[in-house]
Amino acid sequence: MAQALDYTLSLCQRMGFHTKNADGLYGYAEIGEGAEIIGCLGHLDVVPAGDGWHYPPYAGTIDGGRLYGRGISGAVWQRRVW
């Protein structure tokens, strides 16, 4: 988990964000100044895929116009923005 957080915050720093790592428990990245901000909420952990997949769980397979894969509709894929 710490490796994923470190990587994500490092990527944000390279894009010009100020980052904060709170003892490996959580982190955030911010950019700009002023009273109004944009916030994005998500998580970095991954639950094991488990058994019973008809398609490779981490491949993102499109079949019949549908996307199949592990986490395609979770918060990791679609960040919450407000």
Foldseek 3Di string as FASTA:
>chain_A
DLVQQVVVQVVLVVVPWDKDCDVSPDMDTFDDDDDDGKDWDADDDFDDPDDDDPDEADPQDADPNDTHHHPCPHCVNPIDMD
